[in-house]
């Protein structure tokens, strides 16, 4: 495989672009869905050959022990890190887009994720794990201004009640030219985010920095929220590849620049 494996994605800057794509590509999307359904049929092999883009090698994918076969979230490579579909795709995107290189100063957001060990290995500038905290009535990341070139969040933002404040803090920690790359449960048919805050206990009238459970049903206005926090070029990247083991409908990774 080439050292410059392109990311098999389509970029969207709005729900309008996404909906137009879905309408134009409906037959292809239906064919992909039918193909994936066949892969989960009884008697289907639990191993498949393909290529691991982050490791630049041929690989064998397995279902990670899931029965029936889960080729979307359980498609694990046989490389040293044994990464699943979404983790490989996120690493691939960061490397292919130039967001991640050997000298990146990386800020990891939220609880530990499948990406952490791979991002930290061999990196001369340490990776730092951060979670939003409440300090003197303000929501803060205990990280310096412009201290990082890349912030990475793996399925974390929907657990953060003060979502807009969190985005502002992430922007503060990134140097000019930095990137924010993240995944989250995304409601791709929803124009606006719906937040479920009524049941969350407050302290001094303020929301906690984090809460277990899905607080926000995040929709396409997440791109506008990023812009309001000071980010530019906010995009959703839809990807799919049978060879690279990126199966599943409407896989999305998000990015924004400083």
C-alpha atoms as a PDB file:
ATOM      1  CA  UNK A   1       0.000   0.000   0.000  1.00  0.00           C
ATOM      2  CA  UNK A   2       1.087   3.575  -0.642  1.00  0.00           C
ATOM      3  CA  UNK A   3       2.286   5.807   2.174  1.00  0.00           C
ATOM      4  CA  UNK A   4      -0.371   8.293   1.007  1.00  0.00           C
ATOM      5  CA  UNK A   5      -3.589   6.296   1.195  1.00  0.00           C
ATOM      6  CA  UNK A   6      -6.451   8.644   0.420  1.00  0.00           C
ATOM      7  CA  UNK A   7      -9.393   8.766   2.787  1.00  0.00           C
ATOM      8  CA  UNK A   8     -12.514   7.344   1.075  1.00  0.00           C
ATOM      9  CA  UNK A   9     -14.814  10.132   2.179  1.00  0.00           C
ATOM     10  CA  UNK A  10     -17.261  12.763   0.967  1.00  0.00           C
ATOM     11  CA  UNK A  11     -17.301  16.122   2.780  1.00  0.00           C
ATOM     12  CA  UNK A  12     -20.383  18.094   3.779  1.00  0.00           C
ATOM     13  CA  UNK A  13     -20.641  21.597   5.183  1.00  0.00           C
ATOM     14  CA  UNK A  14     -24.416  21.500   5.661  1.00  0.00           C
ATOM     15  CA  UNK A  15     -27.431  19.240   5.958  1.00  0.00           C
ATOM     16  CA  UNK A  16     -28.553  20.476   2.548  1.00  0.00           C
ATOM     17  CA  UNK A  17     -25.414  19.036   0.926  1.00  0.00           C
ATOM     18  CA  UNK A  18     -25.830  15.778   2.829  1.00  0.00           C
ATOM     19  CA  UNK A  19     -29.473  15.367   1.838  1.00  0.00           C
ATOM     20  CA  UNK A  20     -28.608  16.068  -1.799  1.00  0.00           C
ATOM     21  CA  UNK A  21     -25.887  13.403  -1.654  1.00  0.00           C
ATOM     22  CA  UNK A  22     -28.284  10.850  -0.161  1.00  0.00           C
ATOM     23  CA  UNK A  23     -30.850  11.559  -2.868  1.00  0.00           C
ATOM     24  CA  UNK A  24     -28.331  11.289  -5.700  1.00  0.00           C
ATOM     25  CA  UNK A  25     -26.631   8.170  -4.309  1.00  0.00           C
ATOM     26  CA  UNK A  26     -29.655   6.305  -2.980  1.00  0.00           C
ATOM     27  CA  UNK A  27     -29.208   3.287  -5.251  1.00  0.00           C
ATOM     28  CA  UNK A  28     -25.569   2.919  -4.211  1.00  0.00           C
ATOM     29  CA  UNK A  29     -26.438   3.326  -0.529  1.00  0.00           C
ATOM     30  CA  UNK A  30     -29.154   0.671  -0.876  1.00  0.00           C
ATOM     31  CA  UNK A  31     -26.694  -1.701  -2.571  1.00  0.00           C
ATOM     32  CA  UNK A  32     -24.184  -1.216   0.249  1.00  0.00           C
ATOM     33  CA  UNK A  33     -26.848  -1.944   2.839  1.00  0.00           C
ATOM     34  CA  UNK A  34     -27.927  -5.130   1.047  1.00  0.00           C
ATOM     35  CA  UNK A  35     -24.291  -6.256   0.805  1.00  0.00           C
ATOM     36  CA  UNK A  36     -23.727  -5.699   4.526  1.00  0.00           C
ATOM     37  CA  UNK A  37     -26.905  -7.593   5.351  1.00  0.00           C
ATOM     38  CA  UNK A  38     -25.556 -10.601   3.437  1.00  0.00           C
ATOM     39  CA  UNK A  39     -22.373 -10.486   5.524  1.00  0.00           C
ATOM     40  CA  UNK A  40     -24.391 -11.080   8.701  1.00  0.00           C
ATOM     41  CA  UNK A  41     -26.287 -14.106   7.373  1.00  0.00           C
ATOM     42  CA  UNK A  42     -25.886 -17.415   9.265  1.00  0.00           C
ATOM     43  CA  UNK A  43     -22.851 -19.347   8.077  1.00  0.00           C
ATOM     44  CA  UNK A  44     -21.019 -16.254   6.859  1.00  0.00           C
ATOM     45  CA  UNK A  45     -17.245 -16.463   7.608  1.00  0.00           C
ATOM     46  CA  UNK A  46     -16.187 -14.498  10.675  1.00  0.00           C
ATOM     47  CA  UNK A  47     -12.914 -13.397   9.043  1.00  0.00           C
ATOM     48  CA  UNK A  48     -12.350 -11.228   5.973  1.00  0.00           C
ATOM     49  CA  UNK A  49      -9.238 -10.092   4.098  1.00  0.00           C
ATOM     50  CA  UNK A  50      -8.570  -6.420   3.513  1.00  0.00           C
ATOM     51  CA  UNK A  51      -6.126  -3.579   4.179  1.00  0.00           C
ATOM     52  CA  UNK A  52      -5.436  -1.567   7.327  1.00  0.00           C
ATOM     53  CA  UNK A  53      -4.852   2.024   6.211  1.00  0.00           C
ATOM     54  CA  UNK A  54      -3.261   3.356   9.444  1.00  0.00           C
ATOM     55  CA  UNK A  55      -0.751   0.464   9.491  1.00  0.00           C
ATOM     56  CA  UNK A  56      -0.207   0.436   5.702  1.00  0.00           C
ATOM     57  CA  UNK A  57      -0.464  -3.346   5.493  1.00  0.00           C
ATOM     58  CA  UNK A  58      -2.713  -6.104   4.319  1.00  0.00           C
ATOM     59  CA  UNK A  59      -4.804  -7.353   7.202  1.00  0.00           C
ATOM     60  CA  UNK A  60      -7.413  -9.832   8.213  1.00  0.00           C
ATOM     61  CA  UNK A  61     -10.540  -8.454   9.827  1.00  0.00           C
ATOM     62  CA  UNK A  62     -12.599 -10.374  12.348  1.00  0.00           C
ATOM     63  CA  UNK A  63     -15.865  -9.665  14.106  1.00  0.00           C
ATOM     64  CA  UNK A  64     -14.132  -9.324  17.463  1.00  0.00           C
ATOM     65  CA  UNK A  65     -15.960 -12.367  18.760  1.00  0.00           C
ATOM     66  CA  UNK A  66     -19.412 -10.946  18.066  1.00  0.00           C
ATOM     67  CA  UNK A  67     -22.033 -13.472  16.987  1.00  0.00           C
ATOM     68  CA  UNK A  68     -23.956 -12.822  14.819  1.00  0.00           C
ATOM     69  CA  UNK A  69     -21.223 -11.062  12.871  1.00  0.00           C
ATOM     70  CA  UNK A  70     -21.045  -7.317  13.534  1.00  0.00           C
ATOM     71  CA  UNK A  71     -19.041  -5.987  10.622  1.00  0.00           C
ATOM     72  CA  UNK A  72     -19.763  -2.346  11.421  1.00  0.00           C
ATOM     73  CA  UNK A  73     -18.583  -1.780  14.982  1.00  0.00           C
ATOM     74  CA  UNK A  74     -16.897  -5.141  15.497  1.00  0.00           C
ATOM     75  CA  UNK A  75     -14.640  -5.289  12.433  1.00  0.00           C
ATOM     76  CA  UNK A  76     -11.267  -5.597  14.188  1.00  0.00           C
ATOM     77  CA  UNK A  77      -7.939  -5.740  12.341  1.00  0.00           C
ATOM     78  CA  UNK A  78      -5.218  -8.251  13.220  1.00  0.00           C
ATOM     79  CA  UNK A  79      -2.569  -5.515  13.604  1.00  0.00           C
ATOM     80  CA  UNK A  80      -0.827  -4.953  16.937  1.00  0.00           C
ATOM     81  CA  UNK A  81      -3.439  -2.469  18.182  1.00  0.00           C
ATOM     82  CA  UNK A  82      -6.430  -4.537  17.039  1.00  0.00           C
ATOM     83  CA  UNK A  83      -8.484  -1.484  16.183  1.00  0.00           C
ATOM     84  CA  UNK A  84     -12.112  -1.563  15.144  1.00  0.00           C
ATOM     85  CA  UNK A  85     -13.711   0.029  12.106  1.00  0.00           C
ATOM     86  CA  UNK A  86     -14.330   3.517  13.509  1.00  0.00           C
ATOM     87  CA  UNK A  87     -10.981   3.828  15.301  1.00  0.00           C
ATOM     88  CA  UNK A  88      -9.058   2.881  12.143  1.00  0.00           C
ATOM     89  CA  UNK A  89     -11.095   5.315  10.084  1.00  0.00           C
ATOM     90  CA  UNK A  90     -10.518   8.188  12.494  1.00  0.00           C
ATOM     91  CA  UNK A  91      -6.749   7.599  12.514  1.00  0.00           C
ATOM     92  CA  UNK A  92      -6.762   7.267   8.739  1.00  0.00           C
ATOM     93  CA  UNK A  93      -8.656  10.544   8.357  1.00  0.00           C
ATOM     94  CA  UNK A  94      -6.307  12.458  10.663  1.00  0.00           C
ATOM     95  CA  UNK A  95      -3.220  11.191   8.876  1.00  0.00           C
ATOM     96  CA  UNK A  96      -4.578  11.601   5.343  1.00  0.00           C
ATOM     97  CA  UNK A  97      -5.871  15.133   6.017  1.00  0.00           C
ATOM     98  CA  UNK A  98      -2.582  16.303   7.559  1.00  0.00           C
ATOM     99  CA  UNK A  99      -4.103  16.853  11.004  1.00  0.00           C
ATOM    100  CA  UNK A 100      -1.757  14.286  12.581  1.00  0.00           C
ATOM    101  CA  UNK A 101       1.985  13.926  12.077  1.00  0.00           C
ATOM    102  CA  UNK A 102       4.997  12.919  14.168  1.00  0.00           C
ATOM    103  CA  UNK A 103       5.277  16.362  15.776  1.00  0.00           C
ATOM    104  CA  UNK A 104       1.628  17.001  16.548  1.00  0.00           C
ATOM    105  CA  UNK A 105       0.865  18.263  20.053  1.00  0.00           C
ATOM    106  CA  UNK A 106      -2.231  16.210  20.815  1.00  0.00           C
ATOM    107  CA  UNK A 107      -4.958  16.900  23.354  1.00  0.00           C
ATOM    108  CA  UNK A 108      -7.288  13.957  24.010  1.00  0.00           C
ATOM    109  CA  UNK A 109     -10.721  14.856  25.346  1.00  0.00           C
ATOM    110  CA  UNK A 110     -12.975  12.699  27.501  1.00  0.00           C
ATOM    111  CA  UNK A 111     -12.472   9.247  29.004  1.00  0.00           C
ATOM    112  CA  UNK A 112      -9.932   6.782  27.580  1.00  0.00           C
ATOM    113  CA  UNK A 113     -10.676   5.632  24.044  1.00  0.00           C
ATOM    114  CA  UNK A 114      -9.383   2.986  21.607  1.00  0.00           C
ATOM    115  CA  UNK A 115      -7.216   5.666  19.962  1.00  0.00           C
ATOM    116  CA  UNK A 116      -5.150   6.699  22.979  1.00  0.00           C
ATOM    117  CA  UNK A 117      -2.321   4.156  22.926  1.00  0.00           C
ATOM    118  CA  UNK A 118      -1.790   4.501  19.191  1.00  0.00           C
ATOM    119  CA  UNK A 119      -1.697   8.311  19.341  1.00  0.00           C
ATOM    120  CA  UNK A 120       0.784   8.322  22.231  1.00  0.00           C
ATOM    121  CA  UNK A 121       3.209   5.712  20.872  1.00  0.00           C
ATOM    122  CA  UNK A 122       6.509   7.128  19.657  1.00  0.00           C
ATOM    123  CA  UNK A 123       5.351  10.721  19.868  1.00  0.00           C
ATOM    124  CA  UNK A 124       8.048  13.151  21.079  1.00  0.00           C
ATOM    125  CA  UNK A 125       5.400  15.640  22.260  1.00  0.00           C
ATOM    126  CA  UNK A 126       3.259  14.007  24.968  1.00  0.00           C
ATOM    127  CA  UNK A 127      -0.417  13.322  24.471  1.00  0.00           C
ATOM    128  CA  UNK A 128      -2.519  14.860  27.219  1.00  0.00           C
ATOM    129  CA  UNK A 129      -5.891  13.511  28.359  1.00  0.00           C
ATOM    130  CA  UNK A 130      -8.357  16.170  29.487  1.00  0.00           C
ATOM    131  CA  UNK A 131     -11.950  16.387  30.667  1.00  0.00           C
ATOM    132  CA  UNK A 132     -14.019  19.511  31.124  1.00  0.00           C
ATOM    133  CA  UNK A 133     -14.235  20.701  34.743  1.00  0.00           C
ATOM    134  CA  UNK A 134     -16.112  23.456  36.550  1.00  0.00           C
ATOM    135  CA  UNK A 135     -13.762  25.966  38.183  1.00  0.00           C
ATOM    136  CA  UNK A 136     -14.954  29.073  40.043  1.00  0.00           C
ATOM    137  CA  UNK A 137     -18.226  28.950  38.162  1.00  0.00           C
ATOM    138  CA  UNK A 138     -16.536  28.591  34.775  1.00  0.00           C
ATOM    139  CA  UNK A 139     -16.166  25.546  32.568  1.00  0.00           C
ATOM    140  CA  UNK A 140     -12.507  24.921  31.778  1.00  0.00           C
ATOM    141  CA  UNK A 141      -9.995  22.527  30.348  1.00  0.00           C
ATOM    142  CA  UNK A 142      -6.860  22.563  32.488  1.00  0.00           C
ATOM    143  CA  UNK A 143      -4.693  23.163  29.446  1.00  0.00           C
ATOM    144  CA  UNK A 144      -2.784  26.232  28.211  1.00  0.00           C
ATOM    145  CA  UNK A 145      -3.975  28.648  25.564  1.00  0.00           C
ATOM    146  CA  UNK A 146      -2.827  27.591  22.073  1.00  0.00           C
ATOM    147  CA  UNK A 147      -0.908  24.693  23.612  1.00  0.00           C
ATOM    148  CA  UNK A 148      -1.903  21.999  21.100  1.00  0.00           C
ATOM    149  CA  UNK A 149      -2.086  21.483  17.351  1.00  0.00           C
ATOM    150  CA  UNK A 150      -4.716  18.720  17.423  1.00  0.00           C
ATOM    151  CA  UNK A 151      -7.649  18.010  19.730  1.00  0.00           C
ATOM    152  CA  UNK A 152      -9.319  14.598  19.470  1.00  0.00           C
ATOM    153  CA  UNK A 153     -12.657  13.641  20.986  1.00  0.00           C
ATOM    154  CA  UNK A 154     -14.048  10.113  20.757  1.00  0.00           C
ATOM    155  CA  UNK A 155     -17.809   9.931  21.463  1.00  0.00           C
ATOM    156  CA  UNK A 156     -17.607  12.455  24.312  1.00  0.00           C
ATOM    157  CA  UNK A 157     -19.368  15.725  23.510  1.00  0.00           C
ATOM    158  CA  UNK A 158     -22.906  14.356  23.906  1.00  0.00           C
ATOM    159  CA  UNK A 159     -22.087  13.731  27.592  1.00  0.00           C
ATOM    160  CA  UNK A 160     -21.174  17.393  28.217  1.00  0.00           C
ATOM    161  CA  UNK A 161     -24.191  19.509  29.287  1.00  0.00           C
ATOM    162  CA  UNK A 162     -22.470  22.903  28.645  1.00  0.00           C
ATOM    163  CA  UNK A 163     -21.714  21.906  25.063  1.00  0.00           C
ATOM    164  CA  UNK A 164     -21.111  25.384  23.653  1.00  0.00           C
ATOM    165  CA  UNK A 165     -18.779  26.261  26.530  1.00  0.00           C
ATOM    166  CA  UNK A 166     -16.841  23.040  25.897  1.00  0.00           C
ATOM    167  CA  UNK A 167     -16.371  23.897  22.229  1.00  0.00           C
ATOM    168  CA  UNK A 168     -15.068  27.325  23.209  1.00  0.00           C
ATOM    169  CA  UNK A 169     -12.553  25.775  25.580  1.00  0.00           C
ATOM    170  CA  UNK A 170     -11.343  23.345  22.940  1.00  0.00           C
ATOM    171  CA  UNK A 171     -10.847  26.249  20.552  1.00  0.00           C
ATOM    172  CA  UNK A 172      -8.869  28.142  23.220  1.00  0.00           C
ATOM    173  CA  UNK A 173      -6.374  25.289  23.633  1.00  0.00           C
ATOM    174  CA  UNK A 174      -5.575  25.009  19.917  1.00  0.00           C
ATOM    175  CA  UNK A 175      -2.813  26.970  18.215  1.00  0.00           C
ATOM    176  CA  UNK A 176      -3.455  28.848  14.956  1.00  0.00           C
ATOM    177  CA  UNK A 177      -3.752  26.275  12.195  1.00  0.00           C
ATOM    178  CA  UNK A 178      -4.778  23.574  14.693  1.00  0.00           C
ATOM    179  CA  UNK A 179      -7.506  21.023  14.059  1.00  0.00           C
ATOM    180  CA  UNK A 180     -10.317  19.523  16.104  1.00  0.00           C
ATOM    181  CA  UNK A 181     -11.373  16.006  15.028  1.00  0.00           C
ATOM    182  CA  UNK A 182     -14.198  14.159  16.732  1.00  0.00           C
ATOM    183  CA  UNK A 183     -16.882  11.503  16.587  1.00  0.00           C
ATOM    184  CA  UNK A 184     -20.200  11.295  18.401  1.00  0.00           C
ATOM    185  CA  UNK A 185     -23.622   9.679  18.086  1.00  0.00           C
ATOM    186  CA  UNK A 186     -25.104  11.808  15.325  1.00  0.00           C
ATOM    187  CA  UNK A 187     -28.730  12.275  14.327  1.00  0.00           C
ATOM    188  CA  UNK A 188     -28.134  12.815  10.629  1.00  0.00           C
ATOM    189  CA  UNK A 189     -31.787  13.540   9.827  1.00  0.00           C
ATOM    190  CA  UNK A 190     -32.043  16.274  12.494  1.00  0.00           C
ATOM    191  CA  UNK A 191     -31.433  19.923  11.672  1.00  0.00           C
ATOM    192  CA  UNK A 192     -31.131  20.964  15.296  1.00  0.00           C
ATOM    193  CA  UNK A 193     -29.668  19.448  18.425  1.00  0.00           C
ATOM    194  CA  UNK A 194     -32.148  18.447  21.122  1.00  0.00           C
ATOM    195  CA  UNK A 195     -30.741  18.697  24.658  1.00  0.00           C
ATOM    196  CA  UNK A 196     -32.208  16.788  27.605  1.00  0.00           C
ATOM    197  CA  UNK A 197     -31.167  18.966  30.535  1.00  0.00           C
ATOM    198  CA  UNK A 198     -34.262  19.044  32.711  1.00  0.00           C
ATOM    199  CA  UNK A 199     -33.380  15.967  34.786  1.00  0.00           C
ATOM    200  CA  UNK A 200     -29.743  16.935  35.426  1.00  0.00           C
ATOM    201  CA  UNK A 201     -29.041  18.133  38.995  1.00  0.00           C
ATOM    202  CA  UNK A 202     -27.417  21.558  39.191  1.00  0.00           C
ATOM    203  CA  UNK A 203     -24.964  22.929  41.724  1.00  0.00           C
ATOM    204  CA  UNK A 204     -25.322  26.621  42.460  1.00  0.00           C
ATOM    205  CA  UNK A 205     -27.702  26.841  39.526  1.00  0.00           C
ATOM    206  CA  UNK A 206     -25.066  25.612  37.077  1.00  0.00           C
ATOM    207  CA  UNK A 207     -24.952  22.440  35.029  1.00  0.00           C
ATOM    208  CA  UNK A 208     -22.232  19.882  35.793  1.00  0.00           C
ATOM    209  CA  UNK A 209     -19.309  19.709  33.392  1.00  0.00           C
ATOM    210  CA  UNK A 210     -20.123  16.069  32.576  1.00  0.00           C
ATOM    211  CA  UNK A 211     -23.058  13.726  33.041  1.00  0.00           C
ATOM    212  CA  UNK A 212     -23.537  10.063  32.264  1.00  0.00           C
ATOM    213  CA  UNK A 213     -25.965   9.231  29.544  1.00  0.00           C
ATOM    214  CA  UNK A 214     -26.735  10.875  26.219  1.00  0.00           C
ATOM    215  CA  UNK A 215     -27.492  14.504  27.078  1.00  0.00           C
ATOM    216  CA  UNK A 216     -27.642  15.878  23.542  1.00  0.00           C
ATOM    217  CA  UNK A 217     -29.211  14.371  20.423  1.00  0.00           C
ATOM    218  CA  UNK A 218     -26.782  16.177  18.147  1.00  0.00           C
ATOM    219  CA  UNK A 219     -27.895  17.333  14.713  1.00  0.00           C
ATOM    220  CA  UNK A 220     -26.467  19.397  11.890  1.00  0.00           C
ATOM    221  CA  UNK A 221     -26.342  22.611  13.891  1.00  0.00           C
ATOM    222  CA  UNK A 222     -23.163  21.242  15.512  1.00  0.00           C
ATOM    223  CA  UNK A 223     -21.396  22.888  12.541  1.00  0.00           C
ATOM    224  CA  UNK A 224     -22.885  26.259  13.474  1.00  0.00           C
ATOM    225  CA  UNK A 225     -21.913  25.688  17.117  1.00  0.00           C
ATOM    226  CA  UNK A 226     -18.318  25.143  16.031  1.00  0.00           C
ATOM    227  CA  UNK A 227     -18.391  28.389  14.060  1.00  0.00           C
ATOM    228  CA  UNK A 228     -19.806  30.225  17.093  1.00  0.00           C
ATOM    229  CA  UNK A 229     -16.906  28.885  19.160  1.00  0.00           C
ATOM    230  CA  UNK A 230     -14.397  30.428  16.738  1.00  0.00           C
ATOM    231  CA  UNK A 231     -13.662  27.458  14.474  1.00  0.00           C
ATOM    232  CA  UNK A 232     -13.532  27.662  10.694  1.00  0.00           C
ATOM    233  CA  UNK A 233     -14.078  25.143   7.901  1.00  0.00           C
ATOM    234  CA  UNK A 234     -16.278  22.837   9.986  1.00  0.00           C
ATOM    235  CA  UNK A 235     -17.185  19.679   8.061  1.00  0.00           C
ATOM    236  CA  UNK A 236     -18.736  16.245   8.326  1.00  0.00           C
ATOM    237  CA  UNK A 237     -16.853  13.522   6.458  1.00  0.00           C
ATOM    238  CA  UNK A 238     -18.865  10.497   5.335  1.00  0.00           C
ATOM    239  CA  UNK A 239     -16.829   7.381   4.561  1.00  0.00           C
ATOM    240  CA  UNK A 240     -17.255   3.779   3.372  1.00  0.00           C
ATOM    241  CA  UNK A 241     -14.833   1.184   2.026  1.00  0.00           C
ATOM    242  CA  UNK A 242     -15.117  -2.582   1.808  1.00  0.00           C
ATOM    243  CA  UNK A 243     -11.358  -3.056   1.224  1.00  0.00           C
ATOM    244  CA  UNK A 244     -10.433  -0.915   4.253  1.00  0.00           C
ATOM    245  CA  UNK A 245     -13.069  -2.424   6.496  1.00  0.00           C
ATOM    246  CA  UNK A 246     -15.187   0.722   6.861  1.00  0.00           C
ATOM    247  CA  UNK A 247     -18.672  -0.724   6.734  1.00  0.00           C
ATOM    248  CA  UNK A 248     -21.929   0.700   8.048  1.00  0.00           C
ATOM    249  CA  UNK A 249     -24.459   3.294   6.967  1.00  0.00           C
ATOM    250  CA  UNK A 250     -23.651   6.982   7.374  1.00  0.00           C
ATOM    251  CA  UNK A 251     -20.308   6.697   9.142  1.00  0.00           C
ATOM    252  CA  UNK A 252     -19.212  10.252   9.935  1.00  0.00           C
ATOM    253  CA  UNK A 253     -16.132  11.893  11.396  1.00  0.00           C
ATOM    254  CA  UNK A 254     -16.179  15.651  12.039  1.00  0.00           C
ATOM    255  CA  UNK A 255     -13.400  18.202  11.783  1.00  0.00           C
ATOM    256  CA  UNK A 256     -12.910  21.926  12.293  1.00  0.00           C
ATOM    257  CA  UNK A 257      -9.930  24.241  11.904  1.00  0.00           C
ATOM    258  CA  UNK A 258      -8.522  27.220  13.769  1.00  0.00           C
END
